[in-house]
Amino acid sequence: MRLRLDQAAVVAVRHQEEFEADHQAAVWLDFELAQSSLTALAELCTWLSPETLTMPSHPSFPQRVARVLSGPPELLAYCYELLNG
């Protein structure tokens, strides 16, 4: 159980960094532009390197697009979400 918790914590922190970067880009640019850019990036990844879409180091693109508007999740709650998901 300890190993699973440690792995979830590491993944949660990495995902948090992605969510924060996406949200900050949206603040600087425009929320609608950020959402469409992430969607275009997902399509590009699907076409060029679909294997990158399942890397655990990054949250899924649908999660990233959804979080642009709501902002990054609370880290500990997200860690538990990963454990229970």
PDB file of N, CA and C in Angstrom:
ATOM      1  N   MET A   1       0.832  -1.193   0.000  1.00  0.00           N
ATOM      2  CA  MET A   1       0.000   0.000   0.000  1.00  0.00           C
ATOM      3  C   MET A   1       0.877   1.258   0.000  1.00  0.00           C
ATOM      4  N   ARG A   2       1.965   1.203   0.740  1.00  0.00           N
ATOM      5  CA  ARG A   2       2.854   2.365   0.822  1.00  0.00           C
ATOM      6  C   ARG A   2       3.420   2.718  -0.561  1.00  0.00           C
ATOM      7  N   LEU A   3       3.825   1.687  -1.313  1.00  0.00           N
ATOM      8  CA  LEU A   3       4.373   1.921  -2.649  1.00  0.00           C
ATOM      9  C   LEU A   3       3.326   2.557  -3.557  1.00  0.00           C
ATOM     10  N   ARG A   4       2.107   2.078  -3.476  1.00  0.00           N
ATOM     11  CA  ARG A   4       1.028   2.640  -4.302  1.00  0.00           C
ATOM     12  C   ARG A   4       0.764   4.097  -3.942  1.00  0.00           C
ATOM     13  N   LEU A   5       0.794   4.399  -2.654  1.00  0.00           N
ATOM     14  CA  LEU A   5       0.581   5.772  -2.203  1.00  0.00           C
ATOM     15  C   LEU A   5       1.717   6.679  -2.689  1.00  0.00           C
ATOM     16  N   ASP A   6       2.958   6.193  -2.592  1.00  0.00           N
ATOM     17  CA  ASP A   6       4.101   6.977  -3.065  1.00  0.00           C
ATOM     18  C   ASP A   6       4.001   7.256  -4.568  1.00  0.00           C
ATOM     19  N   GLN A   7       3.637   6.244  -5.335  1.00  0.00           N
ATOM     20  CA  GLN A   7       3.504   6.422  -6.783  1.00  0.00           C
ATOM     21  C   GLN A   7       2.392   7.413  -7.118  1.00  0.00           C
ATOM     22  N   ALA A   8       1.272   7.310  -6.415  1.00  0.00           N
ATOM     23  CA  ALA A   8       0.167   8.244  -6.653  1.00  0.00           C
ATOM     24  C   ALA A   8       0.575   9.668  -6.310  1.00  0.00           C
ATOM     25  N   ALA A   9       1.353   9.831  -5.251  1.00  0.00           N
ATOM     26  CA  ALA A   9       1.791  11.175  -4.861  1.00  0.00           C
ATOM     27  C   ALA A   9       2.704  11.780  -5.920  1.00  0.00           C
ATOM     28  N   VAL A  10       3.626  11.000  -6.458  1.00  0.00           N
ATOM     29  CA  VAL A  10       4.519  11.498  -7.497  1.00  0.00           C
ATOM     30  C   VAL A  10       3.728  11.882  -8.749  1.00  0.00           C
ATOM     31  N   VAL A  11       2.819  11.013  -9.162  1.00  0.00           N
ATOM     32  CA  VAL A  11       2.001  11.297 -10.347  1.00  0.00           C
ATOM     33  C   VAL A  11       1.125  12.527 -10.096  1.00  0.00           C
ATOM     34  N   ALA A  12       0.552  12.634  -8.908  1.00  0.00           N
ATOM     35  CA  ALA A  12      -0.304  13.782  -8.595  1.00  0.00           C
ATOM     36  C   ALA A  12       0.471  15.093  -8.698  1.00  0.00           C
ATOM     37  N   VAL A  13       1.704  15.107  -8.217  1.00  0.00           N
ATOM     38  CA  VAL A  13       2.519  16.327  -8.296  1.00  0.00           C
ATOM     39  C   VAL A  13       2.828  16.670  -9.746  1.00  0.00           C
ATOM     40  N   ARG A  14       3.186  15.666 -10.538  1.00  0.00           N
ATOM     41  CA  ARG A  14       3.476  15.925 -11.958  1.00  0.00           C
ATOM     42  C   ARG A  14       2.230  16.417 -12.693  1.00  0.00           C
ATOM     43  N   HIS A  15       1.098  15.820 -12.403  1.00  0.00           N
ATOM     44  CA  HIS A  15      -0.146  16.265 -13.025  1.00  0.00           C
ATOM     45  C   HIS A  15      -0.468  17.685 -12.574  1.00  0.00           C
ATOM     46  N   GLN A  16      -0.263  17.965 -11.291  1.00  0.00           N
ATOM     47  CA  GLN A  16      -0.528  19.301 -10.756  1.00  0.00           C
ATOM     48  C   GLN A  16       0.281  20.338 -11.516  1.00  0.00           C
ATOM     49  N   GLU A  17       1.529  20.025 -11.801  1.00  0.00           N
ATOM     50  CA  GLU A  17       2.376  20.960 -12.550  1.00  0.00           C
ATOM     51  C   GLU A  17       1.802  21.221 -13.941  1.00  0.00           C
ATOM     52  N   GLU A  18       1.302  20.182 -14.597  1.00  0.00           N
ATOM     53  CA  GLU A  18       0.694  20.352 -15.923  1.00  0.00           C
ATOM     54  C   GLU A  18      -0.573  21.198 -15.833  1.00  0.00           C
ATOM     55  N   PHE A  19      -1.426  20.899 -14.856  1.00  0.00           N
ATOM     56  CA  PHE A  19      -2.657  21.673 -14.684  1.00  0.00           C
ATOM     57  C   PHE A  19      -2.343  23.143 -14.420  1.00  0.00           C
ATOM     58  N   GLU A  20      -1.342  23.393 -13.573  1.00  0.00           N
ATOM     59  CA  GLU A  20      -0.970  24.771 -13.256  1.00  0.00           C
ATOM     60  C   GLU A  20      -0.418  25.496 -14.482  1.00  0.00           C
ATOM     61  N   ALA A  21       0.406  24.810 -15.253  1.00  0.00           N
ATOM     62  CA  ALA A  21       0.965  25.425 -16.461  1.00  0.00           C
ATOM     63  C   ALA A  21      -0.134  25.742 -17.471  1.00  0.00           C
ATOM     64  N   ASP A  22      -1.056  24.814 -17.658  1.00  0.00           N
ATOM     65  CA  ASP A  22      -2.172  25.043 -18.587  1.00  0.00           C
ATOM     66  C   ASP A  22      -3.016  26.232 -18.128  1.00  0.00           C
ATOM     67  N   HIS A  23      -3.317  26.273 -16.835  1.00  0.00           N
ATOM     68  CA  HIS A  23      -4.161  27.344 -16.304  1.00  0.00           C
ATOM     69  C   HIS A  23      -3.458  28.700 -16.417  1.00  0.00           C
ATOM     70  N   GLN A  24      -2.155  28.736 -16.114  1.00  0.00           N
ATOM     71  CA  GLN A  24      -1.431  30.005 -16.206  1.00  0.00           C
ATOM     72  C   GLN A  24      -1.362  30.488 -17.651  1.00  0.00           C
ATOM     73  N   ALA A  25      -1.172  29.571 -18.580  1.00  0.00           N
ATOM     74  CA  ALA A  25      -1.178  29.965 -19.997  1.00  0.00           C
ATOM     75  C   ALA A  25      -2.530  30.556 -20.373  1.00  0.00           C
ATOM     76  N   ALA A  26      -3.597  29.970 -19.859  1.00  0.00           N
ATOM     77  CA  ALA A  26      -4.936  30.488 -20.153  1.00  0.00           C
ATOM     78  C   ALA A  26      -5.134  31.883 -19.555  1.00  0.00           C
ATOM     79  N   VAL A  27      -4.586  32.099 -18.362  1.00  0.00           N
ATOM     80  CA  VAL A  27      -4.683  33.418 -17.728  1.00  0.00           C
ATOM     81  C   VAL A  27      -3.931  34.451 -18.573  1.00  0.00           C
ATOM     82  N   TRP A  28      -2.762  34.095 -19.053  1.00  0.00           N
ATOM     83  CA  TRP A  28      -1.947  35.030 -19.832  1.00  0.00           C
ATOM     84  C   TRP A  28      -2.507  35.275 -21.215  1.00  0.00           C
ATOM     85  N   LEU A  29      -3.051  34.234 -21.834  1.00  0.00           N
ATOM     86  CA  LEU A  29      -3.517  34.353 -23.212  1.00  0.00           C
ATOM     87  C   LEU A  29      -5.010  34.594 -23.273  1.00  0.00           C
ATOM     88  N   ASP A  30      -5.751  33.521 -23.094  1.00  0.00           N
ATOM     89  CA  ASP A  30      -7.202  33.574 -23.202  1.00  0.00           C
ATOM     90  C   ASP A  30      -7.709  32.159 -22.920  1.00  0.00           C
ATOM     91  N   PHE A  31      -8.755  32.041 -22.132  1.00  0.00           N
ATOM     92  CA  PHE A  31      -9.250  30.715 -21.761  1.00  0.00           C
ATOM     93  C   PHE A  31      -9.761  29.928 -22.966  1.00  0.00           C
ATOM     94  N   GLU A  32     -10.463  30.591 -23.859  1.00  0.00           N
ATOM     95  CA  GLU A  32     -10.971  29.894 -25.041  1.00  0.00           C
ATOM     96  C   GLU A  32      -9.820  29.443 -25.942  1.00  0.00           C
ATOM     97  N   LEU A  33      -8.832  30.302 -26.114  1.00  0.00           N
ATOM     98  CA  LEU A  33      -7.663  29.948 -26.913  1.00  0.00           C
ATOM     99  C   LEU A  33      -6.900  28.787 -26.274  1.00  0.00           C
ATOM    100  N   ALA A  34      -6.775  28.789 -24.958  1.00  0.00           N
ATOM    101  CA  ALA A  34      -6.085  27.697 -24.259  1.00  0.00           C
ATOM    102  C   ALA A  34      -6.807  26.366 -24.474  1.00  0.00           C
ATOM    103  N   GLN A  35      -8.122  26.386 -24.369  1.00  0.00           N
ATOM    104  CA  GLN A  35      -8.884  25.154 -24.584  1.00  0.00           C
ATOM    105  C   GLN A  35      -8.732  24.652 -26.010  1.00  0.00           C
ATOM    106  N   SER A  36      -8.837  25.538 -26.977  1.00  0.00           N
ATOM    107  CA  SER A  36      -8.713  25.092 -28.369  1.00  0.00           C
ATOM    108  C   SER A  36      -7.288  24.647 -28.678  1.00  0.00           C
ATOM    109  N   SER A  37      -6.303  25.277 -28.070  1.00  0.00           N
ATOM    110  CA  SER A  37      -4.910  24.877 -28.274  1.00  0.00           C
ATOM    111  C   SER A  37      -4.639  23.490 -27.703  1.00  0.00           C
ATOM    112  N   LEU A  38      -5.165  23.218 -26.511  1.00  0.00           N
ATOM    113  CA  LEU A  38      -4.991  21.887 -25.926  1.00  0.00           C
ATOM    114  C   LEU A  38      -5.685  20.822 -26.770  1.00  0.00           C
ATOM    115  N   THR A  39      -6.842  21.152 -27.288  1.00  0.00           N
ATOM    116  CA  THR A  39      -7.562  20.212 -28.154  1.00  0.00           C
ATOM    117  C   THR A  39      -6.765  19.946 -29.422  1.00  0.00           C
ATOM    118  N   ALA A  40      -6.193  20.996 -30.012  1.00  0.00           N
ATOM    119  CA  ALA A  40      -5.367  20.829 -31.213  1.00  0.00           C
ATOM    120  C   ALA A  40      -4.115  20.018 -30.901  1.00  0.00           C
ATOM    121  N   LEU A  41      -3.512  20.244 -29.740  1.00  0.00           N
ATOM    122  CA  LEU A  41      -2.334  19.475 -29.344  1.00  0.00           C
ATOM    123  C   LEU A  41      -2.686  17.997 -29.166  1.00  0.00           C
ATOM    124  N   ALA A  42      -3.839  17.719 -28.591  1.00  0.00           N
ATOM    125  CA  ALA A  42      -4.290  16.329 -28.434  1.00  0.00           C
ATOM    126  C   ALA A  42      -4.457  15.664 -29.796  1.00  0.00           C
ATOM    127  N   GLU A  43      -5.032  16.377 -30.747  1.00  0.00           N
ATOM    128  CA  GLU A  43      -5.203  15.831 -32.098  1.00  0.00           C
ATOM    129  C   GLU A  43      -3.855  15.576 -32.757  1.00  0.00           C
ATOM    130  N   LEU A  44      -2.908  16.494 -32.559  1.00  0.00           N
ATOM    131  CA  LEU A  44      -1.575  16.330 -33.116  1.00  0.00           C
ATOM    132  C   LEU A  44      -0.872  15.108 -32.501  1.00  0.00           C
ATOM    133  N   CYS A  45      -0.978  14.959 -31.194  1.00  0.00           N
ATOM    134  CA  CYS A  45      -0.383  13.799 -30.531  1.00  0.00           C
ATOM    135  C   CYS A  45      -1.033  12.499 -30.998  1.00  0.00           C
ATOM    136  N   THR A  46      -2.331  12.519 -31.193  1.00  0.00           N
ATOM    137  CA  THR A  46      -3.034  11.331 -31.682  1.00  0.00           C
ATOM    138  C   THR A  46      -2.515  10.935 -33.055  1.00  0.00           C
ATOM    139  N   TRP A  47      -2.229  11.915 -33.869  1.00  0.00           N
ATOM    140  CA  TRP A  47      -1.760  11.660 -35.231  1.00  0.00           C
ATOM    141  C   TRP A  47      -0.288  11.262 -35.270  1.00  0.00           C
ATOM    142  N   LEU A  48       0.562  12.004 -34.533  1.00  0.00           N
ATOM    143  CA  LEU A  48       2.003  11.784 -34.623  1.00  0.00           C
ATOM    144  C   LEU A  48       2.547  10.719 -33.662  1.00  0.00           C
ATOM    145  N   SER A  49       2.057  10.687 -32.453  1.00  0.00           N
ATOM    146  CA  SER A  49       2.600   9.752 -31.459  1.00  0.00           C
ATOM    147  C   SER A  49       1.534   9.364 -30.442  1.00  0.00           C
ATOM    148  N   PRO A  50       0.600   8.526 -30.845  1.00  0.00           N
ATOM    149  CA  PRO A  50      -0.502   8.157 -29.949  1.00  0.00           C
ATOM    150  C   PRO A  50      -0.047   7.496 -28.650  1.00  0.00           C
ATOM    151  N   GLU A  51       1.142   6.892 -28.655  1.00  0.00           N
ATOM    152  CA  GLU A  51       1.624   6.257 -27.429  1.00  0.00           C
ATOM    153  C   GLU A  51       1.863   7.267 -26.309  1.00  0.00           C
ATOM    154  N   THR A  52       2.089   8.528 -26.665  1.00  0.00           N
ATOM    155  CA  THR A  52       2.310   9.544 -25.638  1.00  0.00           C
ATOM    156  C   THR A  52       1.027   9.904 -24.892  1.00  0.00           C
ATOM    157  N   LEU A  53      -0.108   9.531 -25.445  1.00  0.00           N
ATOM    158  CA  LEU A  53      -1.386   9.880 -24.804  1.00  0.00           C
ATOM    159  C   LEU A  53      -1.679   9.032 -23.576  1.00  0.00           C
ATOM    160  N   THR A  54      -0.927   7.964 -23.384  1.00  0.00           N
ATOM    161  CA  THR A  54      -1.170   7.096 -22.228  1.00  0.00           C
ATOM    162  C   THR A  54      -0.029   7.144 -21.222  1.00  0.00           C
ATOM    163  N   MET A  55       0.837   8.120 -21.336  1.00  0.00           N
ATOM    164  CA  MET A  55       1.942   8.246 -20.386  1.00  0.00           C
ATOM    165  C   MET A  55       1.400   8.718 -19.043  1.00  0.00           C
ATOM    166  N   PRO A  56       1.743   8.010 -17.963  1.00  0.00           N
ATOM    167  CA  PRO A  56       1.198   8.399 -16.651  1.00  0.00           C
ATOM    168  C   PRO A  56       1.758   9.714 -16.116  1.00  0.00           C
ATOM    169  N   SER A  57       2.821  10.225 -16.731  1.00  0.00           N
ATOM    170  CA  SER A  57       3.410  11.473 -16.236  1.00  0.00           C
ATOM    171  C   SER A  57       2.560  12.701 -16.558  1.00  0.00           C
ATOM    172  N   HIS A  58       1.586  12.550 -17.451  1.00  0.00           N
ATOM    173  CA  HIS A  58       0.726  13.671 -17.826  1.00  0.00           C
ATOM    174  C   HIS A  58      -0.742  13.273 -17.656  1.00  0.00           C
ATOM    175  N   PRO A  59      -1.560  14.212 -17.208  1.00  0.00           N
ATOM    176  CA  PRO A  59      -2.998  13.931 -17.179  1.00  0.00           C
ATOM    177  C   PRO A  59      -3.535  13.851 -18.610  1.00  0.00           C
ATOM    178  N   SER A  60      -4.673  13.245 -18.775  1.00  0.00           N
ATOM    179  CA  SER A  60      -5.261  13.133 -20.110  1.00  0.00           C
ATOM    180  C   SER A  60      -5.649  14.522 -20.625  1.00  0.00           C
ATOM    181  N   PHE A  61      -5.715  14.625 -21.938  1.00  0.00           N
ATOM    182  CA  PHE A  61      -6.106  15.907 -22.518  1.00  0.00           C
ATOM    183  C   PHE A  61      -7.521  16.322 -22.123  1.00  0.00           C
ATOM    184  N   PRO A  62      -8.498  15.403 -22.071  1.00  0.00           N
ATOM    185  CA  PRO A  62      -9.814  15.842 -21.596  1.00  0.00           C
ATOM    186  C   PRO A  62      -9.769  16.432 -20.182  1.00  0.00           C
ATOM    187  N   GLN A  63      -8.945  15.843 -19.307  1.00  0.00           N
ATOM    188  CA  GLN A  63      -8.796  16.401 -17.957  1.00  0.00           C
ATOM    189  C   GLN A  63      -8.156  17.781 -18.018  1.00  0.00           C
ATOM    190  N   ARG A  64      -7.144  17.916 -18.842  1.00  0.00           N
ATOM    191  CA  ARG A  64      -6.443  19.198 -18.940  1.00  0.00           C
ATOM    192  C   ARG A  64      -7.360  20.287 -19.477  1.00  0.00           C
ATOM    193  N   VAL A  65      -8.142  19.966 -20.496  1.00  0.00           N
ATOM    194  CA  VAL A  65      -9.068  20.950 -21.074  1.00  0.00           C
ATOM    195  C   VAL A  65     -10.105  21.358 -20.028  1.00  0.00           C
ATOM    196  N   ALA A  66     -10.628  20.392 -19.297  1.00  0.00           N
ATOM    197  CA  ALA A  66     -11.636  20.683 -18.270  1.00  0.00           C
ATOM    198  C   ALA A  66     -11.057  21.544 -17.146  1.00  0.00           C
ATOM    199  N   ARG A  67      -9.817  21.294 -16.789  1.00  0.00           N
ATOM    200  CA  ARG A  67      -9.194  22.019 -15.676  1.00  0.00           C
ATOM    201  C   ARG A  67      -8.753  23.430 -16.044  1.00  0.00           C
ATOM    202  N   VAL A  68      -8.665  23.741 -17.321  1.00  0.00           N
ATOM    203  CA  VAL A  68      -8.273  25.099 -17.711  1.00  0.00           C
ATOM    204  C   VAL A  68      -9.251  26.104 -17.110  1.00  0.00           C
ATOM    205  N   LEU A  69     -10.529  25.818 -17.179  1.00  0.00           N
ATOM    206  CA  LEU A  69     -11.527  26.749 -16.651  1.00  0.00           C
ATOM    207  C   LEU A  69     -11.634  26.713 -15.137  1.00  0.00           C
ATOM    208  N   SER A  70     -11.557  25.530 -14.561  1.00  0.00           N
ATOM    209  CA  SER A  70     -11.757  25.410 -13.116  1.00  0.00           C
ATOM    210  C   SER A  70     -10.488  25.635 -12.315  1.00  0.00           C
ATOM    211  N   GLY A  71      -9.344  25.602 -12.974  1.00  0.00           N
ATOM    212  CA  GLY A  71      -8.081  25.760 -12.271  1.00  0.00           C
ATOM    213  C   GLY A  71      -7.552  24.425 -11.776  1.00  0.00           C
ATOM    214  N   PRO A  72      -6.323  24.419 -11.289  1.00  0.00           N
ATOM    215  CA  PRO A  72      -5.706  23.181 -10.825  1.00  0.00           C
ATOM    216  C   PRO A  72      -6.458  22.608  -9.627  1.00  0.00           C
ATOM    217  N   PRO A  73      -6.482  21.278  -9.518  1.00  0.00           N
ATOM    218  CA  PRO A  73      -7.165  20.665  -8.379  1.00  0.00           C
ATOM    219  C   PRO A  73      -6.340  20.843  -7.103  1.00  0.00           C
ATOM    220  N   GLU A  74      -6.968  20.637  -5.965  1.00  0.00           N
ATOM    221  CA  GLU A  74      -6.258  20.621  -4.692  1.00  0.00           C
ATOM    222  C   GLU A  74      -5.431  19.341  -4.681  1.00  0.00           C
ATOM    223  N   LEU A  75      -4.147  19.445  -4.391  1.00  0.00           N
ATOM    224  CA  LEU A  75      -3.195  18.355  -4.591  1.00  0.00           C
ATOM    225  C   LEU A  75      -3.547  17.081  -3.822  1.00  0.00           C
ATOM    226  N   LEU A  76      -3.832  17.186  -2.547  1.00  0.00           N
ATOM    227  CA  LEU A  76      -4.110  15.982  -1.759  1.00  0.00           C
ATOM    228  C   LEU A  76      -5.396  15.299  -2.224  1.00  0.00           C
ATOM    229  N   ALA A  77      -6.411  16.077  -2.527  1.00  0.00           N
ATOM    230  CA  ALA A  77      -7.665  15.497  -3.028  1.00  0.00           C
ATOM    231  C   ALA A  77      -7.431  14.798  -4.355  1.00  0.00           C
ATOM    232  N   TYR A  78      -6.591  15.385  -5.202  1.00  0.00           N
ATOM    233  CA  TYR A  78      -6.298  14.772  -6.495  1.00  0.00           C
ATOM    234  C   TYR A  78      -5.519  13.476  -6.310  1.00  0.00           C
ATOM    235  N   CYS A  79      -4.615  13.438  -5.360  1.00  0.00           N
ATOM    236  CA  CYS A  79      -3.862  12.224  -5.061  1.00  0.00           C
ATOM    237  C   CYS A  79      -4.823  11.097  -4.678  1.00  0.00           C
ATOM    238  N   TYR A  80      -5.781  11.384  -3.822  1.00  0.00           N
ATOM    239  CA  TYR A  80      -6.764  10.369  -3.433  1.00  0.00           C
ATOM    240  C   TYR A  80      -7.648   9.972  -4.618  1.00  0.00           C
ATOM    241  N   GLU A  81      -7.936  10.926  -5.480  1.00  0.00           N
ATOM    242  CA  GLU A  81      -8.708  10.624  -6.691  1.00  0.00           C
ATOM    243  C   GLU A  81      -7.967   9.609  -7.562  1.00  0.00           C
ATOM    244  N   LEU A  82      -6.648   9.789  -7.685  1.00  0.00           N
ATOM    245  CA  LEU A  82      -5.837   8.853  -8.452  1.00  0.00           C
ATOM    246  C   LEU A  82      -5.819   7.469  -7.809  1.00  0.00           C
ATOM    247  N   LEU A  83      -5.770   7.433  -6.500  1.00  0.00           N
ATOM    248  CA  LEU A  83      -5.748   6.146  -5.792  1.00  0.00           C
ATOM    249  C   LEU A  83      -7.056   5.391  -5.937  1.00  0.00           C
ATOM    250  N   ASN A  84      -8.155   6.120  -5.967  1.00  0.00           N
ATOM    251  CA  ASN A  84      -9.480   5.487  -6.016  1.00  0.00           C
ATOM    252  C   ASN A  84     -10.000   5.327  -7.421  1.00  0.00           C
ATOM    253  N   GLY A  85      -9.320   5.918  -8.398  1.00  0.00           N
ATOM    254  CA  GLY A  85      -9.804   5.913  -9.772  1.00  0.00           C
ATOM    255  C   GLY A  85      -9.498   4.695 -10.550  1.00  0.00           C
TER     256      GLY A  85
END
